[in-house]
Amino acid sequence: MAIKRKADLSDAQLAEVARIFGTLSEPSRLKLLRALMLESLTVSELIEVTGMRQGNVSKHLSVLLNAGFVERIPEGNFARYALADPTVINLCGLMCSRVEERARKKLLALR
């Protein structure tokens, strides 16, 4: 029996999904997104919160900005970064729950 799907995606749409997942495949970007899930932050604040170097923060923010996950909010001589796409919270929540559940099962198997 075939599984029914809500919608079949075109090859171009599948390529876009892969690009999005590729953007989220970098741990440093996930670290930045996690920090921005709580509040908007400046680059200096992100450096402090994540422990990352300024060059890495700027590089990964640029990728997240171009992918539409974050937005830049000018404030005088500096800018704050904030989540632009709240669906990333749900996506990260799903994956974090999955990782936690798999770790819990492995731990129980060891006991």
PDB file of N, CA and C in Angstrom:
ATOM      1  N   MET A   1       0.844  -1.179   0.000  1.00  0.00           N
ATOM      2  CA  MET A   1       0.000   0.000   0.000  1.00  0.00           C
ATOM      3  C   MET A   1       0.893   1.247   0.000  1.00  0.00           C
ATOM      4  N   ALA A   2       0.637   2.159  -0.881  1.00  0.00           N
ATOM      5  CA  ALA A   2       1.432   3.383  -0.992  1.00  0.00           C
ATOM      6  C   ALA A   2       1.049   4.361   0.108  1.00  0.00           C
ATOM      7  N   ILE A   3       2.043   5.088   0.582  1.00  0.00           N
ATOM      8  CA  ILE A   3       1.810   6.108   1.597  1.00  0.00           C
ATOM      9  C   ILE A   3       1.344   7.377   0.908  1.00  0.00           C
ATOM     10  N   LYS A   4       0.256   7.957   1.393  1.00  0.00           N
ATOM     11  CA  LYS A   4      -0.227   9.216   0.831  1.00  0.00           C
ATOM     12  C   LYS A   4       0.548  10.375   1.432  1.00  0.00           C
ATOM     13  N   ARG A   5       0.901  11.313   0.594  1.00  0.00           N
ATOM     14  CA  ARG A   5       1.611  12.502   1.047  1.00  0.00           C
ATOM     15  C   ARG A   5       0.749  13.710   0.767  1.00  0.00           C
ATOM     16  N   LYS A   6       0.883  14.733   1.627  1.00  0.00           N
ATOM     17  CA  LYS A   6       0.114  15.963   1.421  1.00  0.00           C
ATOM     18  C   LYS A   6       0.457  16.590   0.082  1.00  0.00           C
ATOM     19  N   ALA A   7       1.727  16.682  -0.209  1.00  0.00           N
ATOM     20  CA  ALA A   7       2.146  17.312  -1.461  1.00  0.00           C
ATOM     21  C   ALA A   7       3.489  16.750  -1.882  1.00  0.00           C
ATOM     22  N   ASP A   8       3.607  16.498  -3.143  1.00  0.00           N
ATOM     23  CA  ASP A   8       4.899  16.094  -3.683  1.00  0.00           C
ATOM     24  C   ASP A   8       5.693  17.353  -4.003  1.00  0.00           C
ATOM     25  N   LEU A   9       6.929  17.364  -3.589  1.00  0.00           N
ATOM     26  CA  LEU A   9       7.779  18.517  -3.857  1.00  0.00           C
ATOM     27  C   LEU A   9       8.515  18.314  -5.171  1.00  0.00           C
ATOM     28  N   SER A  10       8.701  19.389  -5.882  1.00  0.00           N
ATOM     29  CA  SER A  10       9.477  19.329  -7.118  1.00  0.00           C
ATOM     30  C   SER A  10      10.949  19.141  -6.766  1.00  0.00           C
ATOM     31  N   ASP A  11      11.741  18.816  -7.760  1.00  0.00           N
ATOM     32  CA  ASP A  11      13.181  18.687  -7.535  1.00  0.00           C
ATOM     33  C   ASP A  11      13.772  19.991  -7.025  1.00  0.00           C
ATOM     34  N   ALA A  12      13.303  21.117  -7.534  1.00  0.00           N
ATOM     35  CA  ALA A  12      13.797  22.427  -7.086  1.00  0.00           C
ATOM     36  C   ALA A  12      13.436  22.671  -5.624  1.00  0.00           C
ATOM     37  N   GLN A  13      12.235  22.266  -5.232  1.00  0.00           N
ATOM     38  CA  GLN A  13      11.827  22.431  -3.834  1.00  0.00           C
ATOM     39  C   GLN A  13      12.636  21.519  -2.922  1.00  0.00           C
ATOM     40  N   LEU A  14      12.908  20.303  -3.367  1.00  0.00           N
ATOM     41  CA  LEU A  14      13.750  19.396  -2.577  1.00  0.00           C
ATOM     42  C   LEU A  14      15.162  19.953  -2.423  1.00  0.00           C
ATOM     43  N   ALA A  15      15.670  20.570  -3.471  1.00  0.00           N
ATOM     44  CA  ALA A  15      16.999  21.187  -3.398  1.00  0.00           C
ATOM     45  C   ALA A  15      16.995  22.322  -2.380  1.00  0.00           C
ATOM     46  N   GLU A  16      15.910  23.078  -2.304  1.00  0.00           N
ATOM     47  CA  GLU A  16      15.804  24.155  -1.318  1.00  0.00           C
ATOM     48  C   GLU A  16      15.746  23.596   0.102  1.00  0.00           C
ATOM     49  N   VAL A  17      15.024  22.517   0.297  1.00  0.00           N
ATOM     50  CA  VAL A  17      14.976  21.863   1.615  1.00  0.00           C
ATOM     51  C   VAL A  17      16.376  21.401   2.009  1.00  0.00           C
ATOM     52  N   ALA A  18      17.099  20.810   1.076  1.00  0.00           N
ATOM     53  CA  ALA A  18      18.467  20.357   1.349  1.00  0.00           C
ATOM     54  C   ALA A  18      19.368  21.533   1.689  1.00  0.00           C
ATOM     55  N   ARG A  19      19.203  22.656   0.999  1.00  0.00           N
ATOM     56  CA  ARG A  19      19.996  23.854   1.286  1.00  0.00           C
ATOM     57  C   ARG A  19      19.717  24.349   2.707  1.00  0.00           C
ATOM     58  N   ILE A  20      18.451  24.341   3.082  1.00  0.00           N
ATOM     59  CA  ILE A  20      18.073  24.788   4.431  1.00  0.00           C
ATOM     60  C   ILE A  20      18.704  23.880   5.483  1.00  0.00           C
ATOM     61  N   PHE A  21      18.585  22.562   5.287  1.00  0.00           N
ATOM     62  CA  PHE A  21      19.193  21.626   6.245  1.00  0.00           C
ATOM     63  C   PHE A  21      20.707  21.774   6.258  1.00  0.00           C
ATOM     64  N   GLY A  22      21.293  22.058   5.111  1.00  0.00           N
ATOM     65  CA  GLY A  22      22.731  22.289   5.046  1.00  0.00           C
ATOM     66  C   GLY A  22      23.139  23.490   5.888  1.00  0.00           C
ATOM     67  N   THR A  23      22.340  24.533   5.829  1.00  0.00           N
ATOM     68  CA  THR A  23      22.605  25.728   6.640  1.00  0.00           C
ATOM     69  C   THR A  23      22.575  25.377   8.128  1.00  0.00           C
ATOM     70  N   LEU A  24      21.676  24.498   8.502  1.00  0.00           N
ATOM     71  CA  LEU A  24      21.519  24.119   9.906  1.00  0.00           C
ATOM     72  C   LEU A  24      22.453  22.989  10.330  1.00  0.00           C
ATOM     73  N   SER A  25      23.271  22.495   9.413  1.00  0.00           N
ATOM     74  CA  SER A  25      24.138  21.356   9.733  1.00  0.00           C
ATOM     75  C   SER A  25      25.426  21.760  10.451  1.00  0.00           C
ATOM     76  N   GLU A  26      25.672  23.038  10.591  1.00  0.00           N
ATOM     77  CA  GLU A  26      26.896  23.532  11.235  1.00  0.00           C
ATOM     78  C   GLU A  26      26.626  23.796  12.716  1.00  0.00           C
ATOM     79  N   PRO A  27      27.321  23.109  13.628  1.00  0.00           N
ATOM     80  CA  PRO A  27      27.092  23.299  15.060  1.00  0.00           C
ATOM     81  C   PRO A  27      27.225  24.754  15.528  1.00  0.00           C
ATOM     82  N   SER A  28      28.139  25.504  14.949  1.00  0.00           N
ATOM     83  CA  SER A  28      28.299  26.909  15.360  1.00  0.00           C
ATOM     84  C   SER A  28      27.049  27.719  15.043  1.00  0.00           C
ATOM     85  N   ARG A  29      26.410  27.415  13.922  1.00  0.00           N
ATOM     86  CA  ARG A  29      25.183  28.135  13.563  1.00  0.00           C
ATOM     87  C   ARG A  29      24.053  27.767  14.512  1.00  0.00           C
ATOM     88  N   LEU A  30      24.000  26.504  14.900  1.00  0.00           N
ATOM     89  CA  LEU A  30      22.986  26.082  15.857  1.00  0.00           C
ATOM     90  C   LEU A  30      23.215  26.743  17.211  1.00  0.00           C
ATOM     91  N   LYS A  31      24.459  26.899  17.581  1.00  0.00           N
ATOM     92  CA  LYS A  31      24.798  27.572  18.833  1.00  0.00           C
ATOM     93  C   LYS A  31      24.310  29.024  18.807  1.00  0.00           C
ATOM     94  N   LEU A  32      24.516  29.692  17.681  1.00  0.00           N
ATOM     95  CA  LEU A  32      24.051  31.076  17.535  1.00  0.00           C
ATOM     96  C   LEU A  32      22.526  31.142  17.568  1.00  0.00           C
ATOM     97  N   LEU A  33      21.876  30.241  16.860  1.00  0.00           N
ATOM     98  CA  LEU A  33      20.409  30.219  16.867  1.00  0.00           C
ATOM     99  C   LEU A  33      19.867  29.964  18.266  1.00  0.00           C
ATOM    100  N   ARG A  34      20.506  29.056  18.994  1.00  0.00           N
ATOM    101  CA  ARG A  34      20.064  28.759  20.362  1.00  0.00           C
ATOM    102  C   ARG A  34      20.137  30.011  21.221  1.00  0.00           C
ATOM    103  N   ALA A  35      21.213  30.769  21.092  1.00  0.00           N
ATOM    104  CA  ALA A  35      21.347  32.015  21.863  1.00  0.00           C
ATOM    105  C   ALA A  35      20.283  33.015  21.467  1.00  0.00           C
ATOM    106  N   LEU A  36      19.971  33.087  20.185  1.00  0.00           N
ATOM    107  CA  LEU A  36      18.991  34.066  19.697  1.00  0.00           C
ATOM    108  C   LEU A  36      17.552  33.644  19.961  1.00  0.00           C
ATOM    109  N   MET A  37      17.350  32.405  20.357  1.00  0.00           N
ATOM    110  CA  MET A  37      15.995  31.963  20.704  1.00  0.00           C
ATOM    111  C   MET A  37      15.502  32.636  21.971  1.00  0.00           C
ATOM    112  N   LEU A  38      16.429  33.085  22.805  1.00  0.00           N
ATOM    113  CA  LEU A  38      16.062  33.714  24.076  1.00  0.00           C
ATOM    114  C   LEU A  38      15.846  35.215  23.952  1.00  0.00           C
ATOM    115  N   GLU A  39      16.673  35.870  23.126  1.00  0.00           N
ATOM    116  CA  GLU A  39      16.578  37.322  22.970  1.00  0.00           C
ATOM    117  C   GLU A  39      17.444  37.774  21.809  1.00  0.00           C
ATOM    118  N   SER A  40      17.189  38.986  21.335  1.00  0.00           N
ATOM    119  CA  SER A  40      18.050  39.548  20.297  1.00  0.00           C
ATOM    120  C   SER A  40      19.362  39.978  20.940  1.00  0.00           C
ATOM    121  N   LEU A  41      20.466  39.804  20.201  1.00  0.00           N
ATOM    122  CA  LEU A  41      21.793  40.070  20.749  1.00  0.00           C
ATOM    123  C   LEU A  41      22.680  40.753  19.718  1.00  0.00           C
ATOM    124  N   THR A  42      23.647  41.496  20.203  1.00  0.00           N
ATOM    125  CA  THR A  42      24.668  42.090  19.337  1.00  0.00           C
ATOM    126  C   THR A  42      25.754  41.051  19.087  1.00  0.00           C
ATOM    127  N   VAL A  43      26.637  41.345  18.152  1.00  0.00           N
ATOM    128  CA  VAL A  43      27.758  40.437  17.885  1.00  0.00           C
ATOM    129  C   VAL A  43      28.594  40.269  19.155  1.00  0.00           C
ATOM    130  N   SER A  44      28.863  41.367  19.864  1.00  0.00           N
ATOM    131  CA  SER A  44      29.655  41.281  21.114  1.00  0.00           C
ATOM    132  C   SER A  44      28.972  40.386  22.139  1.00  0.00           C
ATOM    133  N   GLU A  45      27.666  40.511  22.250  1.00  0.00           N
ATOM    134  CA  GLU A  45      26.924  39.675  23.201  1.00  0.00           C
ATOM    135  C   GLU A  45      26.940  38.214  22.761  1.00  0.00           C
ATOM    136  N   LEU A  46      26.842  37.969  21.457  1.00  0.00           N
ATOM    137  CA  LEU A  46      26.899  36.597  20.955  1.00  0.00           C
ATOM    138  C   LEU A  46      28.264  35.970  21.212  1.00  0.00           C
ATOM    139  N   ILE A  47      29.319  36.768  21.068  1.00  0.00           N
ATOM    140  CA  ILE A  47      30.669  36.279  21.367  1.00  0.00           C
ATOM    141  C   ILE A  47      30.749  35.847  22.832  1.00  0.00           C
ATOM    142  N   GLU A  48      30.211  36.687  23.702  1.00  0.00           N
ATOM    143  CA  GLU A  48      30.249  36.393  25.139  1.00  0.00           C
ATOM    144  C   GLU A  48      29.413  35.158  25.484  1.00  0.00           C
ATOM    145  N   VAL A  49      28.223  35.066  24.927  1.00  0.00           N
ATOM    146  CA  VAL A  49      27.312  33.965  25.248  1.00  0.00           C
ATOM    147  C   VAL A  49      27.807  32.625  24.689  1.00  0.00           C
ATOM    148  N   THR A  50      28.356  32.655  23.480  1.00  0.00           N
ATOM    149  CA  THR A  50      28.733  31.398  22.820  1.00  0.00           C
ATOM    150  C   THR A  50      30.180  30.998  23.028  1.00  0.00           C
ATOM    151  N   GLY A  51      31.044  31.956  23.368  1.00  0.00           N
ATOM    152  CA  GLY A  51      32.466  31.662  23.490  1.00  0.00           C
ATOM    153  C   GLY A  51      33.163  31.542  22.143  1.00  0.00           C
ATOM    154  N   MET A  52      32.465  31.910  21.087  1.00  0.00           N
ATOM    155  CA  MET A  52      33.045  31.846  19.743  1.00  0.00           C
ATOM    156  C   MET A  52      33.858  33.109  19.469  1.00  0.00           C
ATOM    157  N   ARG A  53      34.733  33.043  18.485  1.00  0.00           N
ATOM    158  CA  ARG A  53      35.529  34.201  18.083  1.00  0.00           C
ATOM    159  C   ARG A  53      34.702  35.119  17.187  1.00  0.00           C
ATOM    160  N   GLN A  54      35.076  36.395  17.184  1.00  0.00           N
ATOM    161  CA  GLN A  54      34.325  37.395  16.427  1.00  0.00           C
ATOM    162  C   GLN A  54      34.217  37.035  14.948  1.00  0.00           C
ATOM    163  N   GLY A  55      35.304  36.579  14.348  1.00  0.00           N
ATOM    164  CA  GLY A  55      35.280  36.221  12.932  1.00  0.00           C
ATOM    165  C   GLY A  55      34.305  35.094  12.630  1.00  0.00           C
ATOM    166  N   ASN A  56      34.265  34.095  13.513  1.00  0.00           N
ATOM    167  CA  ASN A  56      33.335  32.976  13.323  1.00  0.00           C
ATOM    168  C   ASN A  56      31.891  33.408  13.512  1.00  0.00           C
ATOM    169  N   VAL A  57      31.658  34.235  14.526  1.00  0.00           N
ATOM    170  CA  VAL A  57      30.297  34.729  14.763  1.00  0.00           C
ATOM    171  C   VAL A  57      29.818  35.493  13.534  1.00  0.00           C
ATOM    172  N   SER A  58      30.635  36.401  13.045  1.00  0.00           N
ATOM    173  CA  SER A  58      30.246  37.209  11.887  1.00  0.00           C
ATOM    174  C   SER A  58      30.008  36.351  10.650  1.00  0.00           C
ATOM    175  N   LYS A  59      30.886  35.392  10.412  1.00  0.00           N
ATOM    176  CA  LYS A  59      30.761  34.521   9.242  1.00  0.00           C
ATOM    177  C   LYS A  59      29.464  33.718   9.289  1.00  0.00           C
ATOM    178  N   HIS A  60      29.183  33.109  10.436  1.00  0.00           N
ATOM    179  CA  HIS A  60      27.994  32.272  10.551  1.00  0.00           C
ATOM    180  C   HIS A  60      26.716  33.103  10.610  1.00  0.00           C
ATOM    181  N   LEU A  61      26.779  34.291  11.188  1.00  0.00           N
ATOM    182  CA  LEU A  61      25.613  35.174  11.158  1.00  0.00           C
ATOM    183  C   LEU A  61      25.270  35.552   9.724  1.00  0.00           C
ATOM    184  N   SER A  62      26.275  35.776   8.905  1.00  0.00           N
ATOM    185  CA  SER A  62      26.054  36.121   7.509  1.00  0.00           C
ATOM    186  C   SER A  62      25.319  34.993   6.781  1.00  0.00           C
ATOM    187  N   VAL A  63      25.721  33.761   7.027  1.00  0.00           N
ATOM    188  CA  VAL A  63      25.057  32.613   6.401  1.00  0.00           C
ATOM    189  C   VAL A  63      23.611  32.517   6.880  1.00  0.00           C
ATOM    190  N   LEU A  64      23.400  32.671   8.191  1.00  0.00           N
ATOM    191  CA  LEU A  64      22.046  32.602   8.747  1.00  0.00           C
ATOM    192  C   LEU A  64      21.177  33.752   8.241  1.00  0.00           C
ATOM    193  N   LEU A  65      21.772  34.906   8.072  1.00  0.00           N
ATOM    194  CA  LEU A  65      21.065  36.079   7.547  1.00  0.00           C
ATOM    195  C   LEU A  65      20.640  35.832   6.100  1.00  0.00           C
ATOM    196  N   ASN A  66      21.567  35.344   5.277  1.00  0.00           N
ATOM    197  CA  ASN A  66      21.268  35.058   3.871  1.00  0.00           C
ATOM    198  C   ASN A  66      20.224  33.955   3.712  1.00  0.00           C
ATOM    199  N   ALA A  67      20.177  33.033   4.657  1.00  0.00           N
ATOM    200  CA  ALA A  67      19.197  31.937   4.607  1.00  0.00           C
ATOM    201  C   ALA A  67      17.841  32.358   5.160  1.00  0.00           C
ATOM    202  N   GLY A  68      17.774  33.553   5.750  1.00  0.00           N
ATOM    203  CA  GLY A  68      16.505  34.046   6.279  1.00  0.00           C
ATOM    204  C   GLY A  68      16.164  33.572   7.673  1.00  0.00           C
ATOM    205  N   PHE A  69      17.133  32.976   8.375  1.00  0.00           N
ATOM    206  CA  PHE A  69      16.876  32.509   9.736  1.00  0.00           C
ATOM    207  C   PHE A  69      16.994  33.630  10.769  1.00  0.00           C
ATOM    208  N   VAL A  70      17.838  34.604  10.506  1.00  0.00           N
ATOM    209  CA  VAL A  70      18.000  35.736  11.426  1.00  0.00           C
ATOM    210  C   VAL A  70      17.809  37.044  10.665  1.00  0.00           C
ATOM    211  N   GLU A  71      17.553  38.082  11.431  1.00  0.00           N
ATOM    212  CA  GLU A  71      17.453  39.417  10.871  1.00  0.00           C
ATOM    213  C   GLU A  71      18.383  40.347  11.627  1.00  0.00           C
ATOM    214  N   ARG A  72      18.827  41.380  10.947  1.00  0.00           N
ATOM    215  CA  ARG A  72      19.721  42.389  11.520  1.00  0.00           C
ATOM    216  C   ARG A  72      18.888  43.623  11.819  1.00  0.00           C
ATOM    217  N   ILE A  73      18.936  44.080  13.067  1.00  0.00           N
ATOM    218  CA  ILE A  73      18.155  45.236  13.496  1.00  0.00           C
ATOM    219  C   ILE A  73      19.124  46.343  13.879  1.00  0.00           C
ATOM    220  N   PRO A  74      19.273  47.364  13.032  1.00  0.00           N
ATOM    221  CA  PRO A  74      20.197  48.461  13.342  1.00  0.00           C
ATOM    222  C   PRO A  74      19.769  49.219  14.607  1.00  0.00           C
ATOM    223  N   GLU A  75      20.740  49.539  15.444  1.00  0.00           N
ATOM    224  CA  GLU A  75      20.519  50.334  16.663  1.00  0.00           C
ATOM    225  C   GLU A  75      21.695  51.284  16.824  1.00  0.00           C
ATOM    226  N   GLY A  76      21.561  52.485  16.328  1.00  0.00           N
ATOM    227  CA  GLY A  76      22.652  53.450  16.431  1.00  0.00           C
ATOM    228  C   GLY A  76      23.887  52.978  15.696  1.00  0.00           C
ATOM    229  N   ASN A  77      25.005  52.878  16.424  1.00  0.00           N
ATOM    230  CA  ASN A  77      26.283  52.475  15.824  1.00  0.00           C
ATOM    231  C   ASN A  77      26.480  50.960  15.744  1.00  0.00           C
ATOM    232  N   PHE A  78      25.532  50.198  16.213  1.00  0.00           N
ATOM    233  CA  PHE A  78      25.668  48.738  16.179  1.00  0.00           C
ATOM    234  C   PHE A  78      24.346  48.124  15.731  1.00  0.00           C
ATOM    235  N   ALA A  79      24.296  46.804  15.718  1.00  0.00           N
ATOM    236  CA  ALA A  79      23.078  46.102  15.297  1.00  0.00           C
ATOM    237  C   ALA A  79      22.822  44.928  16.228  1.00  0.00           C
ATOM    238  N   ARG A  80      21.579  44.613  16.358  1.00  0.00           N
ATOM    239  CA  ARG A  80      21.164  43.416  17.088  1.00  0.00           C
ATOM    240  C   ARG A  80      20.735  42.382  16.060  1.00  0.00           C
ATOM    241  N   TYR A  81      20.889  41.138  16.421  1.00  0.00           N
ATOM    242  CA  TYR A  81      20.431  40.045  15.580  1.00  0.00           C
ATOM    243  C   TYR A  81      19.323  39.325  16.321  1.00  0.00           C
ATOM    244  N   ALA A  82      18.308  38.933  15.578  1.00  0.00           N
ATOM    245  CA  ALA A  82      17.150  38.258  16.164  1.00  0.00           C
ATOM    246  C   ALA A  82      16.695  37.161  15.207  1.00  0.00           C
ATOM    247  N   LEU A  83      15.943  36.216  15.735  1.00  0.00           N
ATOM    248  CA  LEU A  83      15.367  35.182  14.879  1.00  0.00           C
ATOM    249  C   LEU A  83      14.370  35.833  13.928  1.00  0.00           C
ATOM    250  N   ALA A  84      14.477  35.508  12.664  1.00  0.00           N
ATOM    251  CA  ALA A  84      13.546  36.024  11.666  1.00  0.00           C
ATOM    252  C   ALA A  84      12.504  34.966  11.308  1.00  0.00           C
ATOM    253  N   ASP A  85      12.834  33.706  11.557  1.00  0.00           N
ATOM    254  CA  ASP A  85      11.956  32.597  11.191  1.00  0.00           C
ATOM    255  C   ASP A  85      11.716  31.730  12.423  1.00  0.00           C
ATOM    256  N   PRO A  86      10.594  31.948  13.119  1.00  0.00           N
ATOM    257  CA  PRO A  86      10.346  31.192  14.345  1.00  0.00           C
ATOM    258  C   PRO A  86      10.141  29.694  14.133  1.00  0.00           C
ATOM    259  N   THR A  87       9.948  29.256  12.896  1.00  0.00           N
ATOM    260  CA  THR A  87       9.802  27.811  12.671  1.00  0.00           C
ATOM    261  C   THR A  87      11.071  27.050  13.028  1.00  0.00           C
ATOM    262  N   VAL A  88      12.208  27.756  13.053  1.00  0.00           N
ATOM    263  CA  VAL A  88      13.463  27.100  13.413  1.00  0.00           C
ATOM    264  C   VAL A  88      13.424  26.626  14.876  1.00  0.00           C
ATOM    265  N   ILE A  89      12.655  27.308  15.710  1.00  0.00           N
ATOM    266  CA  ILE A  89      12.506  26.884  17.115  1.00  0.00           C
ATOM    267  C   ILE A  89      11.838  25.515  17.165  1.00  0.00           C
ATOM    268  N   ASN A  90      10.775  25.348  16.391  1.00  0.00           N
ATOM    269  CA  ASN A  90      10.077  24.057  16.360  1.00  0.00           C
ATOM    270  C   ASN A  90      10.969  22.964  15.791  1.00  0.00           C
ATOM    271  N   LEU A  91      11.670  23.275  14.703  1.00  0.00           N
ATOM    272  CA  LEU A  91      12.550  22.298  14.074  1.00  0.00           C
ATOM    273  C   LEU A  91      13.657  21.860  15.036  1.00  0.00           C
ATOM    274  N   CYS A  92      14.291  22.826  15.666  1.00  0.00           N
ATOM    275  CA  CYS A  92      15.362  22.500  16.625  1.00  0.00           C
ATOM    276  C   CYS A  92      14.794  21.730  17.822  1.00  0.00           C
ATOM    277  N   GLY A  93      13.610  22.106  18.262  1.00  0.00           N
ATOM    278  CA  GLY A  93      12.973  21.401  19.373  1.00  0.00           C
ATOM    279  C   GLY A  93      12.712  19.943  19.041  1.00  0.00           C
ATOM    280  N   LEU A  94      12.234  19.694  17.831  1.00  0.00           N
ATOM    281  CA  LEU A  94      11.989  18.311  17.397  1.00  0.00           C
ATOM    282  C   LEU A  94      13.277  17.500  17.391  1.00  0.00           C
ATOM    283  N   MET A  95      14.317  18.074  16.819  1.00  0.00           N
ATOM    284  CA  MET A  95      15.573  17.340  16.713  1.00  0.00           C
ATOM    285  C   MET A  95      16.239  17.164  18.082  1.00  0.00           C
ATOM    286  N   CYS A  96      16.168  18.181  18.925  1.00  0.00           N
ATOM    287  CA  CYS A  96      16.755  18.061  20.264  1.00  0.00           C
ATOM    288  C   CYS A  96      16.028  16.979  21.061  1.00  0.00           C
ATOM    289  N   SER A  97      14.707  16.926  20.945  1.00  0.00           N
ATOM    290  CA  SER A  97      13.934  15.885  21.632  1.00  0.00           C
ATOM    291  C   SER A  97      14.324  14.502  21.131  1.00  0.00           C
ATOM    292  N   ARG A  98      14.535  14.392  19.836  1.00  0.00           N
ATOM    293  CA  ARG A  98      14.940  13.115  19.249  1.00  0.00           C
ATOM    294  C   ARG A  98      16.305  12.687  19.776  1.00  0.00           C
ATOM    295  N   VAL A  99      17.248  13.613  19.818  1.00  0.00           N
ATOM    296  CA  VAL A  99      18.594  13.307  20.314  1.00  0.00           C
ATOM    297  C   VAL A  99      18.530  12.894  21.790  1.00  0.00           C
ATOM    298  N   GLU A 100      17.743  13.622  22.583  1.00  0.00           N
ATOM    299  CA  GLU A 100      17.610  13.292  24.005  1.00  0.00           C
ATOM    300  C   GLU A 100      16.992  11.911  24.187  1.00  0.00           C
ATOM    301  N   GLU A 101      15.966  11.596  23.404  1.00  0.00           N
ATOM    302  CA  GLU A 101      15.309  10.288  23.519  1.00  0.00           C
ATOM    303  C   GLU A 101      16.250   9.155  23.136  1.00  0.00           C
ATOM    304  N   ARG A 102      17.024   9.350  22.076  1.00  0.00           N
ATOM    305  CA  ARG A 102      17.985   8.316  21.668  1.00  0.00           C
ATOM    306  C   ARG A 102      19.063   8.130  22.740  1.00  0.00           C
ATOM    307  N   ALA A 103      19.515   9.214  23.338  1.00  0.00           N
ATOM    308  CA  ALA A 103      20.520   9.119  24.404  1.00  0.00           C
ATOM    309  C   ALA A 103      19.939   8.398  25.620  1.00  0.00           C
ATOM    310  N   ARG A 104      18.686   8.705  25.937  1.00  0.00           N
ATOM    311  CA  ARG A 104      18.022   8.055  27.075  1.00  0.00           C
ATOM    312  C   ARG A 104      17.912   6.545  26.833  1.00  0.00           C
ATOM    313  N   LYS A 105      17.554   6.149  25.619  1.00  0.00           N
ATOM    314  CA  LYS A 105      17.435   4.712  25.281  1.00  0.00           C
ATOM    315  C   LYS A 105      18.787   4.016  25.362  1.00  0.00           C
ATOM    316  N   LYS A 106      19.831   4.687  24.897  1.00  0.00           N
ATOM    317  CA  LYS A 106      21.184   4.099  24.983  1.00  0.00           C
ATOM    318  C   LYS A 106      21.596   3.923  26.434  1.00  0.00           C
ATOM    319  N   LEU A 107      21.297   4.904  27.253  1.00  0.00           N
ATOM    320  CA  LEU A 107      21.643   4.829  28.674  1.00  0.00           C
ATOM    321  C   LEU A 107      20.906   3.681  29.348  1.00  0.00           C
ATOM    322  N   LEU A 108      19.617   3.546  29.040  1.00  0.00           N
ATOM    323  CA  LEU A 108      18.846   2.442  29.617  1.00  0.00           C
ATOM    324  C   LEU A 108      19.370   1.085  29.156  1.00  0.00           C
ATOM    325  N   ALA A 109      19.823   1.004  27.920  1.00  0.00           N
ATOM    326  CA  ALA A 109      20.370  -0.249  27.394  1.00  0.00           C
ATOM    327  C   ALA A 109      21.664  -0.634  28.102  1.00  0.00           C
ATOM    328  N   LEU A 110      22.407   0.342  28.564  1.00  0.00           N
ATOM    329  CA  LEU A 110      23.675   0.080  29.260  1.00  0.00           C
ATOM    330  C   LEU A 110      23.452  -0.397  30.689  1.00  0.00           C
ATOM    331  N   ARG A 111      22.310  -0.122  31.241  1.00  0.00           N
ATOM    332  CA  ARG A 111      22.049  -0.477  32.651  1.00  0.00           C
ATOM    333  C   ARG A 111      21.689  -1.902  32.824  1.00  0.00           C
TER     334      ARG A 111
END
